[in-house]
Full PDB file with SEQRES, HELIX, SHEET, SSBOND, CRYST1, ORIGX, SCALE, CONECT and MASTER records, all heavy atoms in Angstrom:
SEQRES   1 A   31  MET PRO PHE ALA ARG ALA GLY ARG PRO GLY LEU LEU GLY          
SEQRES   2 A   31  THR VAL ALA ARG ALA ALA ALA ARG GLN GLY THR PRO ALA          
SEQRES   3 A   31  ARG ASP ALA PRO PRO                                          
HELIX    1 AA1 LEU A   11  GLN A   22  1                                  12    
CRYST1    1.000    1.000    1.000  90.00  90.00  90.00 P 1           1          
ORIGX1      1.000000  0.000000  0.000000        0.00000                         
ORIGX2      0.000000  1.000000  0.000000        0.00000                         
ORIGX3      0.000000  0.000000  1.000000        0.00000                         
SCALE1      1.000000  0.000000  0.000000        0.00000                         
SCALE2      0.000000  1.000000  0.000000        0.00000                         
SCALE3      0.000000  0.000000  1.000000        0.00000                         
ATOM      1  N   MET A   1      77.340  24.901  78.013  1.00  0.00           N  
ATOM      2  CA  MET A   1      76.770  25.296  76.758  1.00  0.00           C  
ATOM      3  C   MET A   1      75.253  25.038  76.803  1.00  0.00           C  
ATOM      4  O   MET A   1      74.833  23.923  77.062  1.00  0.00           O  
ATOM      5  CB  MET A   1      77.419  24.493  75.627  1.00  0.00           C  
ATOM      6  CG  MET A   1      76.712  24.732  74.338  1.00  0.00           C  
ATOM      7  SD  MET A   1      77.061  23.637  72.973  1.00  0.00           S  
ATOM      8  CE  MET A   1      78.720  23.640  72.655  1.00  0.00           C  
ATOM      9  N   PRO A   2      74.427  26.077  76.576  1.00  0.00           N  
ATOM     10  CA  PRO A   2      72.975  25.889  76.605  1.00  0.00           C  
ATOM     11  C   PRO A   2      72.511  25.072  75.404  1.00  0.00           C  
ATOM     12  O   PRO A   2      73.117  25.080  74.341  1.00  0.00           O  
ATOM     13  CB  PRO A   2      72.411  27.299  76.573  1.00  0.00           C  
ATOM     14  CG  PRO A   2      73.512  28.172  76.111  1.00  0.00           C  
ATOM     15  CD  PRO A   2      74.795  27.462  76.375  1.00  0.00           C  
ATOM     16  N   PHE A   3      71.425  24.368  75.628  1.00  0.00           N  
ATOM     17  CA  PHE A   3      70.854  23.538  74.571  1.00  0.00           C  
ATOM     18  C   PHE A   3      70.105  24.421  73.585  1.00  0.00           C  
ATOM     19  O   PHE A   3      69.260  25.218  73.958  1.00  0.00           O  
ATOM     20  CB  PHE A   3      69.897  22.514  75.181  1.00  0.00           C  
ATOM     21  CG  PHE A   3      69.240  21.625  74.178  1.00  0.00           C  
ATOM     22  CD1 PHE A   3      69.962  20.641  73.533  1.00  0.00           C  
ATOM     23  CD2 PHE A   3      67.907  21.773  73.864  1.00  0.00           C  
ATOM     24  CE1 PHE A   3      69.364  19.810  72.612  1.00  0.00           C  
ATOM     25  CE2 PHE A   3      67.298  20.958  72.941  1.00  0.00           C  
ATOM     26  CZ  PHE A   3      68.031  19.965  72.314  1.00  0.00           C  
ATOM     27  N   ALA A   4      70.401  24.306  72.324  1.00  0.00           N  
ATOM     28  CA  ALA A   4      69.709  25.066  71.275  1.00  0.00           C  
ATOM     29  C   ALA A   4      69.014  24.078  70.361  1.00  0.00           C  
ATOM     30  O   ALA A   4      69.628  23.178  69.818  1.00  0.00           O  
ATOM     31  CB  ALA A   4      70.698  25.916  70.489  1.00  0.00           C  
ATOM     32  N   ARG A   5      67.730  24.237  70.217  1.00  0.00           N  
ATOM     33  CA  ARG A   5      66.948  23.333  69.379  1.00  0.00           C  
ATOM     34  C   ARG A   5      66.916  23.878  67.963  1.00  0.00           C  
ATOM     35  O   ARG A   5      66.551  25.028  67.734  1.00  0.00           O  
ATOM     36  CB  ARG A   5      65.543  23.204  69.928  1.00  0.00           C  
ATOM     37  CG  ARG A   5      64.721  22.206  69.161  1.00  0.00           C  
ATOM     38  CD  ARG A   5      63.344  22.085  69.805  1.00  0.00           C  
ATOM     39  NE  ARG A   5      62.549  21.159  69.050  1.00  0.00           N  
ATOM     40  CZ  ARG A   5      62.373  19.881  69.382  1.00  0.00           C  
ATOM     41  NH1 ARG A   5      62.924  19.421  70.472  1.00  0.00           N  
ATOM     42  NH2 ARG A   5      61.626  19.100  68.642  1.00  0.00           N  
ATOM     43  N   ALA A   6      67.226  23.067  67.011  1.00  0.00           N  
ATOM     44  CA  ALA A   6      67.197  23.467  65.608  1.00  0.00           C  
ATOM     45  C   ALA A   6      66.082  22.705  64.915  1.00  0.00           C  
ATOM     46  O   ALA A   6      65.709  21.613  65.309  1.00  0.00           O  
ATOM     47  CB  ALA A   6      68.535  23.159  64.945  1.00  0.00           C  
ATOM     48  N   GLY A   7      65.508  23.299  63.915  1.00  0.00           N  
ATOM     49  CA  GLY A   7      64.464  22.611  63.148  1.00  0.00           C  
ATOM     50  C   GLY A   7      63.077  23.001  63.598  1.00  0.00           C  
ATOM     51  O   GLY A   7      62.834  24.114  64.042  1.00  0.00           O  
ATOM     52  N   ARG A   8      62.161  22.066  63.485  1.00  0.00           N  
ATOM     53  CA  ARG A   8      60.761  22.339  63.809  1.00  0.00           C  
ATOM     54  C   ARG A   8      60.573  22.580  65.303  1.00  0.00           C  
ATOM     55  O   ARG A   8      61.299  22.027  66.115  1.00  0.00           O  
ATOM     56  CB  ARG A   8      59.900  21.165  63.362  1.00  0.00           C  
ATOM     57  CG  ARG A   8      59.935  20.979  61.875  1.00  0.00           C  
ATOM     58  CD  ARG A   8      59.034  19.916  61.349  1.00  0.00           C  
ATOM     59  NE  ARG A   8      58.658  18.913  62.332  1.00  0.00           N  
ATOM     60  CZ  ARG A   8      57.821  17.927  62.085  1.00  0.00           C  
ATOM     61  NH1 ARG A   8      57.302  17.800  60.905  1.00  0.00           N  
ATOM     62  NH2 ARG A   8      57.509  17.056  63.008  1.00  0.00           N  
ATOM     63  N   PRO A   9      59.541  23.377  65.662  1.00  0.00           N  
ATOM     64  CA  PRO A   9      59.304  23.636  67.083  1.00  0.00           C  
ATOM     65  C   PRO A   9      58.755  22.385  67.778  1.00  0.00           C  
ATOM     66  O   PRO A   9      58.160  21.521  67.152  1.00  0.00           O  
ATOM     67  CB  PRO A   9      58.266  24.754  67.078  1.00  0.00           C  
ATOM     68  CG  PRO A   9      57.567  24.605  65.779  1.00  0.00           C  
ATOM     69  CD  PRO A   9      58.607  24.091  64.816  1.00  0.00           C  
ATOM     70  N   GLY A  10      58.969  22.324  69.063  1.00  0.00           N  
ATOM     71  CA  GLY A  10      58.452  21.212  69.849  1.00  0.00           C  
ATOM     72  C   GLY A  10      56.959  21.356  70.078  1.00  0.00           C  
ATOM     73  O   GLY A  10      56.314  22.322  69.654  1.00  0.00           O  
ATOM     74  N   LEU A  11      56.400  20.388  70.752  1.00  0.00           N  
ATOM     75  CA  LEU A  11      54.967  20.370  71.030  1.00  0.00           C  
ATOM     76  C   LEU A  11      54.523  21.592  71.815  1.00  0.00           C  
ATOM     77  O   LEU A  11      53.510  22.209  71.497  1.00  0.00           O  
ATOM     78  CB  LEU A  11      54.598  19.096  71.791  1.00  0.00           C  
ATOM     79  CG  LEU A  11      53.132  18.938  72.172  1.00  0.00           C  
ATOM     80  CD1 LEU A  11      52.264  18.914  70.914  1.00  0.00           C  
ATOM     81  CD2 LEU A  11      52.920  17.698  72.989  1.00  0.00           C  
ATOM     82  N   LEU A  12      55.283  21.963  72.832  1.00  0.00           N  
ATOM     83  CA  LEU A  12      54.921  23.116  73.651  1.00  0.00           C  
ATOM     84  C   LEU A  12      54.868  24.399  72.821  1.00  0.00           C  
ATOM     85  O   LEU A  12      53.940  25.192  72.933  1.00  0.00           O  
ATOM     86  CB  LEU A  12      55.892  23.275  74.816  1.00  0.00           C  
ATOM     87  CG  LEU A  12      55.573  24.373  75.813  1.00  0.00           C  
ATOM     88  CD1 LEU A  12      54.191  24.162  76.398  1.00  0.00           C  
ATOM     89  CD2 LEU A  12      56.593  24.409  76.913  1.00  0.00           C  
ATOM     90  N   GLY A  13      55.855  24.594  71.945  1.00  0.00           N  
ATOM     91  CA  GLY A  13      55.863  25.780  71.095  1.00  0.00           C  
ATOM     92  C   GLY A  13      54.687  25.795  70.133  1.00  0.00           C  
ATOM     93  O   GLY A  13      54.057  26.830  69.889  1.00  0.00           O  
ATOM     94  N   THR A  14      54.348  24.627  69.591  1.00  0.00           N  
ATOM     95  CA  THR A  14      53.222  24.529  68.658  1.00  0.00           C  
ATOM     96  C   THR A  14      51.910  24.853  69.364  1.00  0.00           C  
ATOM     97  O   THR A  14      51.076  25.597  68.851  1.00  0.00           O  
ATOM     98  CB  THR A  14      53.157  23.110  68.058  1.00  0.00           C  
ATOM     99  OG1 THR A  14      54.403  22.830  67.424  1.00  0.00           O  
ATOM    100  CG2 THR A  14      52.040  22.992  67.049  1.00  0.00           C  
ATOM    101  N   VAL A  15      51.713  24.310  70.550  1.00  0.00           N  
ATOM    102  CA  VAL A  15      50.494  24.557  71.313  1.00  0.00           C  
ATOM    103  C   VAL A  15      50.393  26.024  71.709  1.00  0.00           C  
ATOM    104  O   VAL A  15      49.328  26.634  71.606  1.00  0.00           O  
ATOM    105  CB  VAL A  15      50.442  23.641  72.558  1.00  0.00           C  
ATOM    106  CG1 VAL A  15      49.318  24.034  73.491  1.00  0.00           C  
ATOM    107  CG2 VAL A  15      50.300  22.194  72.139  1.00  0.00           C  
ATOM    108  N   ALA A  16      51.497  26.609  72.132  1.00  0.00           N  
ATOM    109  CA  ALA A  16      51.485  28.018  72.528  1.00  0.00           C  
ATOM    110  C   ALA A  16      51.140  28.921  71.351  1.00  0.00           C  
ATOM    111  O   ALA A  16      50.361  29.864  71.487  1.00  0.00           O  
ATOM    112  CB  ALA A  16      52.840  28.411  73.111  1.00  0.00           C  
ATOM    113  N   ARG A  17      51.703  28.630  70.183  1.00  0.00           N  
ATOM    114  CA  ARG A  17      51.391  29.436  69.004  1.00  0.00           C  
ATOM    115  C   ARG A  17      49.926  29.282  68.593  1.00  0.00           C  
ATOM    116  O   ARG A  17      49.262  30.247  68.246  1.00  0.00           O  
ATOM    117  CB  ARG A  17      52.309  29.054  67.848  1.00  0.00           C  
ATOM    118  CG  ARG A  17      53.450  30.018  67.666  1.00  0.00           C  
ATOM    119  CD  ARG A  17      54.190  29.810  66.362  1.00  0.00           C  
ATOM    120  NE  ARG A  17      54.785  28.476  66.243  1.00  0.00           N  
ATOM    121  CZ  ARG A  17      55.834  28.042  66.930  1.00  0.00           C  
ATOM    122  NH1 ARG A  17      56.405  28.827  67.805  1.00  0.00           N  
ATOM    123  NH2 ARG A  17      56.310  26.841  66.756  1.00  0.00           N  
ATOM    124  N   ALA A  18      49.413  28.062  68.651  1.00  0.00           N  
ATOM    125  CA  ALA A  18      48.006  27.831  68.292  1.00  0.00           C  
ATOM    126  C   ALA A  18      47.081  28.577  69.247  1.00  0.00           C  
ATOM    127  O   ALA A  18      46.092  29.182  68.825  1.00  0.00           O  
ATOM    128  CB  ALA A  18      47.699  26.336  68.304  1.00  0.00           C  
ATOM    129  N   ALA A  19      47.399  28.556  70.542  1.00  0.00           N  
ATOM    130  CA  ALA A  19      46.577  29.259  71.524  1.00  0.00           C  
ATOM    131  C   ALA A  19      46.615  30.761  71.288  1.00  0.00           C  
ATOM    132  O   ALA A  19      45.594  31.444  71.400  1.00  0.00           O  
ATOM    133  CB  ALA A  19      47.064  28.934  72.938  1.00  0.00           C  
ATOM    134  N   ALA A  20      47.777  31.280  70.947  1.00  0.00           N  
ATOM    135  CA  ALA A  20      47.896  32.715  70.685  1.00  0.00           C  
ATOM    136  C   ALA A  20      47.092  33.104  69.453  1.00  0.00           C  
ATOM    137  O   ALA A  20      46.450  34.155  69.418  1.00  0.00           O  
ATOM    138  CB  ALA A  20      49.361  33.095  70.501  1.00  0.00           C  
ATOM    139  N   ARG A  21      47.100  32.265  68.442  1.00  0.00           N  
ATOM    140  CA  ARG A  21      46.327  32.567  67.225  1.00  0.00           C  
ATOM    141  C   ARG A  21      44.832  32.534  67.486  1.00  0.00           C  
ATOM    142  O   ARG A  21      44.077  33.296  66.904  1.00  0.00           O  
ATOM    143  CB  ARG A  21      46.668  31.556  66.125  1.00  0.00           C  
ATOM    144  CG  ARG A  21      47.835  31.983  65.294  1.00  0.00           C  
ATOM    145  CD  ARG A  21      47.990  31.090  64.092  1.00  0.00           C  
ATOM    146  NE  ARG A  21      49.311  30.490  64.207  1.00  0.00           N  
ATOM    147  CZ  ARG A  21      49.584  29.206  64.220  1.00  0.00           C  
ATOM    148  NH1 ARG A  21      48.637  28.328  64.093  1.00  0.00           N  
ATOM    149  NH2 ARG A  21      50.805  28.776  64.357  1.00  0.00           N  
ATOM    150  N   GLN A  22      44.399  31.634  68.355  1.00  0.00           N  
ATOM    151  CA  GLN A  22      42.962  31.487  68.635  1.00  0.00           C  
ATOM    152  C   GLN A  22      42.474  32.487  69.668  1.00  0.00           C  
ATOM    153  O   GLN A  22      41.278  32.592  69.907  1.00  0.00           O  
ATOM    154  CB  GLN A  22      42.671  30.078  69.134  1.00  0.00           C  
ATOM    155  CG  GLN A  22      42.867  29.032  68.076  1.00  0.00           C  
ATOM    156  CD  GLN A  22      42.688  27.633  68.637  1.00  0.00           C  
ATOM    157  OE1 GLN A  22      42.422  27.456  69.818  1.00  0.00           O  
ATOM    158  NE2 GLN A  22      42.841  26.642  67.795  1.00  0.00           N  
ATOM    159  N   GLY A  23      43.379  33.181  70.298  1.00  0.00           N  
ATOM    160  CA  GLY A  23      42.970  34.178  71.293  1.00  0.00           C  
ATOM    161  C   GLY A  23      42.527  33.539  72.593  1.00  0.00           C  
ATOM    162  O   GLY A  23      41.599  33.994  73.236  1.00  0.00           O  
ATOM    163  N   THR A  24      43.174  32.469  73.001  1.00  0.00           N  
ATOM    164  CA  THR A  24      42.839  31.797  74.252  1.00  0.00           C  
ATOM    165  C   THR A  24      43.085  32.753  75.412  1.00  0.00           C  
ATOM    166  O   THR A  24      44.147  33.340  75.513  1.00  0.00           O  
ATOM    167  CB  THR A  24      43.704  30.528  74.423  1.00  0.00           C  
ATOM    168  OG1 THR A  24      43.502  29.707  73.282  1.00  0.00           O  
ATOM    169  CG2 THR A  24      43.333  29.780  75.678  1.00  0.00           C  
ATOM    170  N   PRO A  25      42.104  32.916  76.316  1.00  0.00           N  
ATOM    171  CA  PRO A  25      42.299  33.827  77.443  1.00  0.00           C  
ATOM    172  C   PRO A  25      43.334  33.296  78.417  1.00  0.00           C  
ATOM    173  O   PRO A  25      43.561  32.097  78.505  1.00  0.00           O  
ATOM    174  CB  PRO A  25      40.923  33.881  78.101  1.00  0.00           C  
ATOM    175  CG  PRO A  25      40.256  32.621  77.691  1.00  0.00           C  
ATOM    176  CD  PRO A  25      40.806  32.280  76.328  1.00  0.00           C  
ATOM    177  N   ALA A  26      43.937  34.193  79.135  1.00  0.00           N  
ATOM    178  CA  ALA A  26      44.922  33.815  80.151  1.00  0.00           C  
ATOM    179  C   ALA A  26      44.227  33.083  81.293  1.00  0.00           C  
ATOM    180  O   ALA A  26      43.021  33.197  81.474  1.00  0.00           O  
ATOM    181  CB  ALA A  26      45.609  35.065  80.673  1.00  0.00           C  
ATOM    182  N   ARG A  27      44.989  32.356  82.085  1.00  0.00           N  
ATOM    183  CA  ARG A  27      44.406  31.603  83.199  1.00  0.00           C  
ATOM    184  C   ARG A  27      43.703  32.507  84.195  1.00  0.00           C  
ATOM    185  O   ARG A  27      42.696  32.143  84.761  1.00  0.00           O  
ATOM    186  CB  ARG A  27      45.501  30.856  83.942  1.00  0.00           C  
ATOM    187  CG  ARG A  27      45.915  29.611  83.302  1.00  0.00           C  
ATOM    188  CD  ARG A  27      46.815  28.858  84.249  1.00  0.00           C  
ATOM    189  NE  ARG A  27      47.661  27.968  83.490  1.00  0.00           N  
ATOM    190  CZ  ARG A  27      48.635  27.273  83.989  1.00  0.00           C  
ATOM    191  NH1 ARG A  27      48.923  27.395  85.263  1.00  0.00           N  
ATOM    192  NH2 ARG A  27      49.346  26.482  83.234  1.00  0.00           N  
ATOM    193  N   ASP A  28      44.252  33.677  84.437  1.00  0.00           N  
ATOM    194  CA  ASP A  28      43.692  34.569  85.440  1.00  0.00           C  
ATOM    195  C   ASP A  28      42.645  35.523  84.884  1.00  0.00           C  
ATOM    196  O   ASP A  28      42.223  36.446  85.567  1.00  0.00           O  
ATOM    197  CB  ASP A  28      44.816  35.385  86.089  1.00  0.00           C  
ATOM    198  CG  ASP A  28      45.806  34.481  86.813  1.00  0.00           C  
ATOM    199  OD1 ASP A  28      45.381  33.391  87.259  1.00  0.00           O  
ATOM    200  OD2 ASP A  28      46.981  34.835  86.911  1.00  0.00           O  
ATOM    201  N   ALA A  29      42.213  35.291  83.659  1.00  0.00           N  
ATOM    202  CA  ALA A  29      41.202  36.160  83.051  1.00  0.00           C  
ATOM    203  C   ALA A  29      39.866  35.943  83.758  1.00  0.00           C  
ATOM    204  O   ALA A  29      39.545  34.831  84.167  1.00  0.00           O  
ATOM    205  CB  ALA A  29      41.062  35.861  81.569  1.00  0.00           C  
ATOM    206  N   PRO A  30      39.050  36.987  83.896  1.00  0.00           N  
ATOM    207  CA  PRO A  30      37.743  36.818  84.536  1.00  0.00           C  
ATOM    208  C   PRO A  30      36.837  35.965  83.645  1.00  0.00           C  
ATOM    209  O   PRO A  30      36.996  35.938  82.425  1.00  0.00           O  
ATOM    210  CB  PRO A  30      37.217  38.254  84.646  1.00  0.00           C  
ATOM    211  CG  PRO A  30      37.964  39.013  83.613  1.00  0.00           C  
ATOM    212  CD  PRO A  30      39.296  38.343  83.474  1.00  0.00           C  
ATOM    213  N   PRO A  31      35.883  35.262  84.239  1.00  0.00           N  
ATOM    214  CA  PRO A  31      34.977  34.436  83.439  1.00  0.00           C  
ATOM    215  C   PRO A  31      34.118  35.317  82.547  1.00  0.00           C  
ATOM    216  O   PRO A  31      33.876  36.493  82.856  1.00  0.00           O  
ATOM    217  CB  PRO A  31      34.132  33.713  84.488  1.00  0.00           C  
ATOM    218  CG  PRO A  31      34.243  34.536  85.713  1.00  0.00           C  
ATOM    219  CD  PRO A  31      35.577  35.206  85.651  1.00  0.00           C  
TER     220      PRO A  31                                                      
MASTER        0    0    0    1    0    0    0    6  219    1    0    3          
END                                                                             
């Protein structure tokens, strides 16, 4: 049975959403 997280998102999900909102460039983006 796979683990399903219920409730608030974890730290990784929060950081990923914040980066997406701020428009953080991808790692391989040109300088």
